[in-house]
């Protein structure tokens, strides 16, 4: 394993109240170590408007900066530039990694969804991605998953390459152990944090404890 696994937090797919999400984000940040936050406002019905995304970013970026947490925008390099985000996460049907790099520059963090494909991940690495994301490892209600990934893919990747990988899809403190042991650099979580019965801080604390225990 290259280094310790860390939590990669993804926003709820919809934000109805900026004050509520700001407070919840602050609680999550106070719960323990978070490496990165991705603003992903997209439900099954429709993505959020540019205005909604930029307003949410304006509200949340200062908190991320205070805690030295990287702040990424999902899908949209142009909005990442407008709001001053640290980078972008792109899917296979979004802006290409090369286009995102052209828009954001060499210092930006760019991640690429690679589903369960070694080939897509290797292509992303060659295109200059800073990390690749594999999944879904478990059933998830946050996003319709078109592929199923296994911990063996993470294990292969961690031994075959030096490019960091994110494991995503239905990950909880209770089921994350095999992914940590396989060599995942980051565990992506959304519902497991925001919908935790005891709140976001308790969820982050539980994830950090589970990572350490694995």
C-alpha atoms as a PDB file:
ATOM      1  CA  UNK A   1       0.000   0.000   0.000  1.00  0.00           C
ATOM      2  CA  UNK A   2       1.373   3.413  -0.989  1.00  0.00           C
ATOM      3  CA  UNK A   3       0.152   5.372   2.021  1.00  0.00           C
ATOM      4  CA  UNK A   4      -2.661   5.583   4.512  1.00  0.00           C
ATOM      5  CA  UNK A   5      -6.207   5.472   3.203  1.00  0.00           C
ATOM      6  CA  UNK A   6      -8.284   8.630   3.718  1.00  0.00           C
ATOM      7  CA  UNK A   7     -11.904   9.710   3.407  1.00  0.00           C
ATOM      8  CA  UNK A   8     -13.159  11.413   0.230  1.00  0.00           C
ATOM      9  CA  UNK A   9     -16.473  13.112   0.970  1.00  0.00           C
ATOM     10  CA  UNK A  10     -19.097  13.726  -1.724  1.00  0.00           C
ATOM     11  CA  UNK A  11     -21.926  16.205  -1.248  1.00  0.00           C
ATOM     12  CA  UNK A  12     -25.569  15.180  -1.086  1.00  0.00           C
ATOM     13  CA  UNK A  13     -27.023  15.051  -4.624  1.00  0.00           C
ATOM     14  CA  UNK A  14     -29.362  17.919  -3.800  1.00  0.00           C
ATOM     15  CA  UNK A  15     -29.035  20.924  -1.489  1.00  0.00           C
ATOM     16  CA  UNK A  16     -32.258  22.581  -0.397  1.00  0.00           C
ATOM     17  CA  UNK A  17     -30.845  24.888   2.281  1.00  0.00           C
ATOM     18  CA  UNK A  18     -27.329  26.339   2.129  1.00  0.00           C
ATOM     19  CA  UNK A  19     -27.311  27.085   5.849  1.00  0.00           C
ATOM     20  CA  UNK A  20     -28.066  23.453   6.662  1.00  0.00           C
ATOM     21  CA  UNK A  21     -25.394  22.012   4.371  1.00  0.00           C
ATOM     22  CA  UNK A  22     -22.852  24.542   5.635  1.00  0.00           C
ATOM     23  CA  UNK A  23     -23.527  23.468   9.219  1.00  0.00           C
ATOM     24  CA  UNK A  24     -23.472  19.770   8.300  1.00  0.00           C
ATOM     25  CA  UNK A  25     -20.220  20.206   6.382  1.00  0.00           C
ATOM     26  CA  UNK A  26     -18.676  21.992   9.354  1.00  0.00           C
ATOM     27  CA  UNK A  27     -19.728  19.105  11.598  1.00  0.00           C
ATOM     28  CA  UNK A  28     -18.279  16.565   9.184  1.00  0.00           C
ATOM     29  CA  UNK A  29     -14.973  18.460   9.061  1.00  0.00           C
ATOM     30  CA  UNK A  30     -14.920  18.531  12.835  1.00  0.00           C
ATOM     31  CA  UNK A  31     -15.406  14.779  13.021  1.00  0.00           C
ATOM     32  CA  UNK A  32     -11.955  13.825  11.813  1.00  0.00           C
ATOM     33  CA  UNK A  33      -9.722  13.482   8.779  1.00  0.00           C
ATOM     34  CA  UNK A  34     -11.185  14.253   5.343  1.00  0.00           C
ATOM     35  CA  UNK A  35      -8.835  14.489   2.371  1.00  0.00           C
ATOM     36  CA  UNK A  36     -11.174  15.841  -0.274  1.00  0.00           C
ATOM     37  CA  UNK A  37     -14.701  17.117  -0.848  1.00  0.00           C
ATOM     38  CA  UNK A  38     -16.506  16.828  -4.179  1.00  0.00           C
ATOM     39  CA  UNK A  39     -19.499  19.051  -4.892  1.00  0.00           C
ATOM     40  CA  UNK A  40     -21.812  16.828  -6.926  1.00  0.00           C
ATOM     41  CA  UNK A  41     -25.293  18.302  -7.283  1.00  0.00           C
ATOM     42  CA  UNK A  42     -27.067  15.918  -9.591  1.00  0.00           C
ATOM     43  CA  UNK A  43     -30.209  13.881  -8.996  1.00  0.00           C
ATOM     44  CA  UNK A  44     -31.791  11.250 -11.234  1.00  0.00           C
ATOM     45  CA  UNK A  45     -34.174  13.919 -12.490  1.00  0.00           C
ATOM     46  CA  UNK A  46     -31.743  16.706 -13.383  1.00  0.00           C
ATOM     47  CA  UNK A  47     -28.440  18.349 -12.484  1.00  0.00           C
ATOM     48  CA  UNK A  48     -28.428  21.565 -10.498  1.00  0.00           C
ATOM     49  CA  UNK A  49     -28.185  24.877 -12.332  1.00  0.00           C
ATOM     50  CA  UNK A  50     -24.877  26.690 -12.692  1.00  0.00           C
ATOM     51  CA  UNK A  51     -26.099  29.301 -10.229  1.00  0.00           C
ATOM     52  CA  UNK A  52     -26.969  26.678  -7.622  1.00  0.00           C
ATOM     53  CA  UNK A  53     -23.570  25.014  -7.981  1.00  0.00           C
ATOM     54  CA  UNK A  54     -21.675  28.297  -7.720  1.00  0.00           C
ATOM     55  CA  UNK A  55     -23.682  29.440  -4.696  1.00  0.00           C
ATOM     56  CA  UNK A  56     -23.024  26.139  -2.934  1.00  0.00           C
ATOM     57  CA  UNK A  57     -19.328  26.347  -3.767  1.00  0.00           C
ATOM     58  CA  UNK A  58     -19.129  29.915  -2.483  1.00  0.00           C
ATOM     59  CA  UNK A  59     -20.711  28.745   0.788  1.00  0.00           C
ATOM     60  CA  UNK A  60     -18.579  25.629   1.302  1.00  0.00           C
ATOM     61  CA  UNK A  61     -15.119  26.440  -0.080  1.00  0.00           C
ATOM     62  CA  UNK A  62     -14.127  28.683   2.864  1.00  0.00           C
ATOM     63  CA  UNK A  63     -14.803  25.784   5.271  1.00  0.00           C
ATOM     64  CA  UNK A  64     -12.749  23.411   3.143  1.00  0.00           C
ATOM     65  CA  UNK A  65      -9.882  25.919   3.056  1.00  0.00           C
ATOM     66  CA  UNK A  66      -9.942  26.270   6.845  1.00  0.00           C
ATOM     67  CA  UNK A  67      -9.437  22.509   7.206  1.00  0.00           C
ATOM     68  CA  UNK A  68      -6.986  22.056   4.318  1.00  0.00           C
ATOM     69  CA  UNK A  69      -9.466  19.874   2.421  1.00  0.00           C
ATOM     70  CA  UNK A  70      -9.251  19.813  -1.382  1.00  0.00           C
ATOM     71  CA  UNK A  71     -12.478  21.052  -3.007  1.00  0.00           C
ATOM     72  CA  UNK A  72     -13.505  19.573  -6.356  1.00  0.00           C
ATOM     73  CA  UNK A  73     -16.438  20.240  -8.668  1.00  0.00           C
ATOM     74  CA  UNK A  74     -18.146  17.344 -10.428  1.00  0.00           C
ATOM     75  CA  UNK A  75     -18.220  17.337 -14.241  1.00  0.00           C
ATOM     76  CA  UNK A  76     -17.634  21.051 -14.902  1.00  0.00           C
ATOM     77  CA  UNK A  77     -14.099  22.429 -15.350  1.00  0.00           C
ATOM     78  CA  UNK A  78     -15.558  25.812 -16.314  1.00  0.00           C
ATOM     79  CA  UNK A  79     -17.414  26.136 -13.014  1.00  0.00           C
ATOM     80  CA  UNK A  80     -14.358  24.929 -11.099  1.00  0.00           C
ATOM     81  CA  UNK A  81     -12.456  27.902 -12.546  1.00  0.00           C
ATOM     82  CA  UNK A  82     -15.258  30.351 -11.757  1.00  0.00           C
ATOM     83  CA  UNK A  83     -15.547  29.353  -8.112  1.00  0.00           C
ATOM     84  CA  UNK A  84     -11.842  28.848  -7.463  1.00  0.00           C
ATOM     85  CA  UNK A  85     -12.077  25.121  -6.730  1.00  0.00           C
ATOM     86  CA  UNK A  86      -8.961  22.991  -6.468  1.00  0.00           C
ATOM     87  CA  UNK A  87     -10.009  20.804  -9.371  1.00  0.00           C
ATOM     88  CA  UNK A  88     -12.663  18.668 -10.971  1.00  0.00           C
ATOM     89  CA  UNK A  89     -13.891  15.099 -11.148  1.00  0.00           C
ATOM     90  CA  UNK A  90     -15.030  13.972 -14.593  1.00  0.00           C
ATOM     91  CA  UNK A  91     -16.941  10.924 -15.756  1.00  0.00           C
ATOM     92  CA  UNK A  92     -16.573   9.014 -18.978  1.00  0.00           C
ATOM     93  CA  UNK A  93     -19.348  11.072 -20.596  1.00  0.00           C
ATOM     94  CA  UNK A  94     -18.166  14.447 -19.263  1.00  0.00           C
ATOM     95  CA  UNK A  95     -15.311  16.724 -20.300  1.00  0.00           C
ATOM     96  CA  UNK A  96     -12.171  14.732 -21.060  1.00  0.00           C
ATOM     97  CA  UNK A  97      -9.226  14.734 -18.682  1.00  0.00           C
ATOM     98  CA  UNK A  98      -7.099  16.543 -21.269  1.00  0.00           C
ATOM     99  CA  UNK A  99      -9.757  19.230 -21.803  1.00  0.00           C
ATOM    100  CA  UNK A 100     -10.126  19.683 -18.054  1.00  0.00           C
ATOM    101  CA  UNK A 101      -6.349  20.074 -17.729  1.00  0.00           C
ATOM    102  CA  UNK A 102      -6.334  22.706 -20.475  1.00  0.00           C
ATOM    103  CA  UNK A 103      -9.063  24.668 -18.699  1.00  0.00           C
ATOM    104  CA  UNK A 104      -7.749  24.292 -15.139  1.00  0.00           C
ATOM    105  CA  UNK A 105      -3.973  24.226 -15.567  1.00  0.00           C
ATOM    106  CA  UNK A 106      -1.172  22.033 -14.311  1.00  0.00           C
ATOM    107  CA  UNK A 107      -1.736  22.626 -10.601  1.00  0.00           C
ATOM    108  CA  UNK A 108      -5.376  21.502 -10.530  1.00  0.00           C
ATOM    109  CA  UNK A 109      -6.477  18.112  -9.237  1.00  0.00           C
ATOM    110  CA  UNK A 110      -8.309  16.071 -11.853  1.00  0.00           C
ATOM    111  CA  UNK A 111      -9.968  12.747 -11.128  1.00  0.00           C
ATOM    112  CA  UNK A 112     -11.622  10.391 -13.593  1.00  0.00           C
ATOM    113  CA  UNK A 113     -14.388   7.815 -13.169  1.00  0.00           C
ATOM    114  CA  UNK A 114     -13.151   4.475 -14.516  1.00  0.00           C
ATOM    115  CA  UNK A 115     -15.941   2.143 -13.348  1.00  0.00           C
ATOM    116  CA  UNK A 116     -14.424  -1.355 -13.098  1.00  0.00           C
ATOM    117  CA  UNK A 117     -12.050  -0.996 -16.039  1.00  0.00           C
ATOM    118  CA  UNK A 118      -8.269  -1.306 -15.872  1.00  0.00           C
ATOM    119  CA  UNK A 119      -8.159  -0.070 -19.468  1.00  0.00           C
ATOM    120  CA  UNK A 120     -10.062   3.150 -18.718  1.00  0.00           C
ATOM    121  CA  UNK A 121      -7.896   3.739 -15.655  1.00  0.00           C
ATOM    122  CA  UNK A 122      -4.666   3.293 -17.588  1.00  0.00           C
ATOM    123  CA  UNK A 123      -5.972   5.655 -20.273  1.00  0.00           C
ATOM    124  CA  UNK A 124      -6.830   8.229 -17.608  1.00  0.00           C
ATOM    125  CA  UNK A 125      -3.352   7.952 -16.162  1.00  0.00           C
ATOM    126  CA  UNK A 126      -1.792   8.459 -19.565  1.00  0.00           C
ATOM    127  CA  UNK A 127      -4.026  11.512 -20.092  1.00  0.00           C
ATOM    128  CA  UNK A 128      -2.680  13.101 -16.916  1.00  0.00           C
ATOM    129  CA  UNK A 129      -5.300  12.280 -14.275  1.00  0.00           C
ATOM    130  CA  UNK A 130      -4.264  12.805 -10.667  1.00  0.00           C
ATOM    131  CA  UNK A 131      -6.410   9.905  -9.496  1.00  0.00           C
ATOM    132  CA  UNK A 132      -8.835   7.316 -10.837  1.00  0.00           C
ATOM    133  CA  UNK A 133     -12.106   6.187  -9.260  1.00  0.00           C
ATOM    134  CA  UNK A 134     -13.335   2.584  -9.297  1.00  0.00           C
ATOM    135  CA  UNK A 135     -16.811   1.317  -8.410  1.00  0.00           C
ATOM    136  CA  UNK A 136     -19.441   0.626  -7.490  1.00  0.00           C
ATOM    137  CA  UNK A 137     -18.261  -1.776  -4.807  1.00  0.00           C
ATOM    138  CA  UNK A 138     -21.596  -2.019  -3.001  1.00  0.00           C
ATOM    139  CA  UNK A 139     -25.225  -1.166  -3.815  1.00  0.00           C
ATOM    140  CA  UNK A 140     -25.872   2.555  -3.542  1.00  0.00           C
ATOM    141  CA  UNK A 141     -28.961   4.745  -3.603  1.00  0.00           C
ATOM    142  CA  UNK A 142     -27.003   7.963  -4.188  1.00  0.00           C
ATOM    143  CA  UNK A 143     -26.281   7.266  -7.846  1.00  0.00           C
ATOM    144  CA  UNK A 144     -27.398   4.592 -10.310  1.00  0.00           C
ATOM    145  CA  UNK A 145     -24.335   2.374 -10.740  1.00  0.00           C
ATOM    146  CA  UNK A 146     -23.775   0.828 -14.153  1.00  0.00           C
ATOM    147  CA  UNK A 147     -20.848  -1.346 -13.074  1.00  0.00           C
ATOM    148  CA  UNK A 148     -19.814  -3.550 -10.161  1.00  0.00           C
ATOM    149  CA  UNK A 149     -16.208  -3.547  -8.993  1.00  0.00           C
ATOM    150  CA  UNK A 150     -14.353  -5.951  -6.702  1.00  0.00           C
ATOM    151  CA  UNK A 151     -11.597  -5.269  -4.149  1.00  0.00           C
ATOM    152  CA  UNK A 152      -9.232  -7.368  -6.290  1.00  0.00           C
ATOM    153  CA  UNK A 153      -9.230  -4.528  -8.850  1.00  0.00           C
ATOM    154  CA  UNK A 154      -7.988  -2.084  -6.214  1.00  0.00           C
ATOM    155  CA  UNK A 155      -5.381  -4.585  -5.086  1.00  0.00           C
ATOM    156  CA  UNK A 156      -4.100  -5.032  -8.650  1.00  0.00           C
ATOM    157  CA  UNK A 157      -4.041  -1.279  -9.257  1.00  0.00           C
ATOM    158  CA  UNK A 158      -2.199  -0.456  -6.037  1.00  0.00           C
ATOM    159  CA  UNK A 159       0.575  -2.915  -6.880  1.00  0.00           C
ATOM    160  CA  UNK A 160       0.743  -2.186 -10.612  1.00  0.00           C
ATOM    161  CA  UNK A 161       0.767   1.627 -10.546  1.00  0.00           C
ATOM    162  CA  UNK A 162       1.625   4.643  -8.420  1.00  0.00           C
ATOM    163  CA  UNK A 163      -1.482   6.619  -9.404  1.00  0.00           C
ATOM    164  CA  UNK A 164      -3.878   7.012  -6.448  1.00  0.00           C
ATOM    165  CA  UNK A 165      -7.296   5.394  -6.627  1.00  0.00           C
ATOM    166  CA  UNK A 166     -10.641   6.185  -5.042  1.00  0.00           C
ATOM    167  CA  UNK A 167     -13.100   3.426  -4.171  1.00  0.00           C
ATOM    168  CA  UNK A 168     -16.733   4.488  -4.525  1.00  0.00           C
ATOM    169  CA  UNK A 169     -20.217   3.076  -4.234  1.00  0.00           C
ATOM    170  CA  UNK A 170     -22.172   2.189  -1.103  1.00  0.00           C
ATOM    171  CA  UNK A 171     -19.120   2.315   1.157  1.00  0.00           C
ATOM    172  CA  UNK A 172     -19.741   2.476   4.911  1.00  0.00           C
ATOM    173  CA  UNK A 173     -17.588   2.164   8.032  1.00  0.00           C
ATOM    174  CA  UNK A 174     -18.931  -1.364   8.385  1.00  0.00           C
ATOM    175  CA  UNK A 175     -17.962  -2.628   4.914  1.00  0.00           C
ATOM    176  CA  UNK A 176     -14.864  -0.599   4.016  1.00  0.00           C
ATOM    177  CA  UNK A 177     -12.232  -2.880   5.557  1.00  0.00           C
ATOM    178  CA  UNK A 178     -11.542  -5.054   2.483  1.00  0.00           C
ATOM    179  CA  UNK A 179     -11.038  -1.953   0.322  1.00  0.00           C
ATOM    180  CA  UNK A 180      -8.590  -0.411   2.779  1.00  0.00           C
ATOM    181  CA  UNK A 181      -6.655  -3.672   2.980  1.00  0.00           C
ATOM    182  CA  UNK A 182      -6.691  -3.957  -0.831  1.00  0.00           C
ATOM    183  CA  UNK A 183      -4.837  -0.652  -1.041  1.00  0.00           C
ATOM    184  CA  UNK A 184      -7.463   2.008  -1.767  1.00  0.00           C
ATOM    185  CA  UNK A 185      -5.956   5.453  -1.309  1.00  0.00           C
ATOM    186  CA  UNK A 186      -9.329   7.067  -0.691  1.00  0.00           C
ATOM    187  CA  UNK A 187     -12.821   5.907   0.252  1.00  0.00           C
ATOM    188  CA  UNK A 188     -15.625   7.966  -1.283  1.00  0.00           C
ATOM    189  CA  UNK A 189     -18.734   8.380   0.820  1.00  0.00           C
ATOM    190  CA  UNK A 190     -21.897  10.427   0.596  1.00  0.00           C
ATOM    191  CA  UNK A 191     -25.102   8.987   2.083  1.00  0.00           C
ATOM    192  CA  UNK A 192     -23.137   7.110   4.745  1.00  0.00           C
ATOM    193  CA  UNK A 193     -22.041  10.486   6.124  1.00  0.00           C
ATOM    194  CA  UNK A 194     -24.991  12.809   5.491  1.00  0.00           C
ATOM    195  CA  UNK A 195     -27.653  10.251   6.503  1.00  0.00           C
ATOM    196  CA  UNK A 196     -25.825   8.828   9.517  1.00  0.00           C
ATOM    197  CA  UNK A 197     -28.182   8.401  12.465  1.00  0.00           C
ATOM    198  CA  UNK A 198     -25.851  10.295  14.797  1.00  0.00           C
ATOM    199  CA  UNK A 199     -24.898  13.012  12.320  1.00  0.00           C
ATOM    200  CA  UNK A 200     -21.985  13.782   9.964  1.00  0.00           C
ATOM    201  CA  UNK A 201     -19.340  14.176  12.673  1.00  0.00           C
ATOM    202  CA  UNK A 202     -20.065  10.737  14.093  1.00  0.00           C
ATOM    203  CA  UNK A 203     -19.976   9.267  10.590  1.00  0.00           C
ATOM    204  CA  UNK A 204     -16.554  10.726   9.823  1.00  0.00           C
ATOM    205  CA  UNK A 205     -15.256   9.571  13.173  1.00  0.00           C
ATOM    206  CA  UNK A 206     -16.546   6.058  12.441  1.00  0.00           C
ATOM    207  CA  UNK A 207     -14.916   6.017   9.008  1.00  0.00           C
ATOM    208  CA  UNK A 208     -11.590   7.140  10.413  1.00  0.00           C
ATOM    209  CA  UNK A 209     -11.753   4.453  13.096  1.00  0.00           C
ATOM    210  CA  UNK A 210     -12.677   1.766  10.569  1.00  0.00           C
ATOM    211  CA  UNK A 211      -9.809   2.789   8.275  1.00  0.00           C
ATOM    212  CA  UNK A 212      -7.364   2.662  11.150  1.00  0.00           C
ATOM    213  CA  UNK A 213      -8.692  -0.725  12.322  1.00  0.00           C
ATOM    214  CA  UNK A 214      -8.359  -2.246   8.839  1.00  0.00           C
END
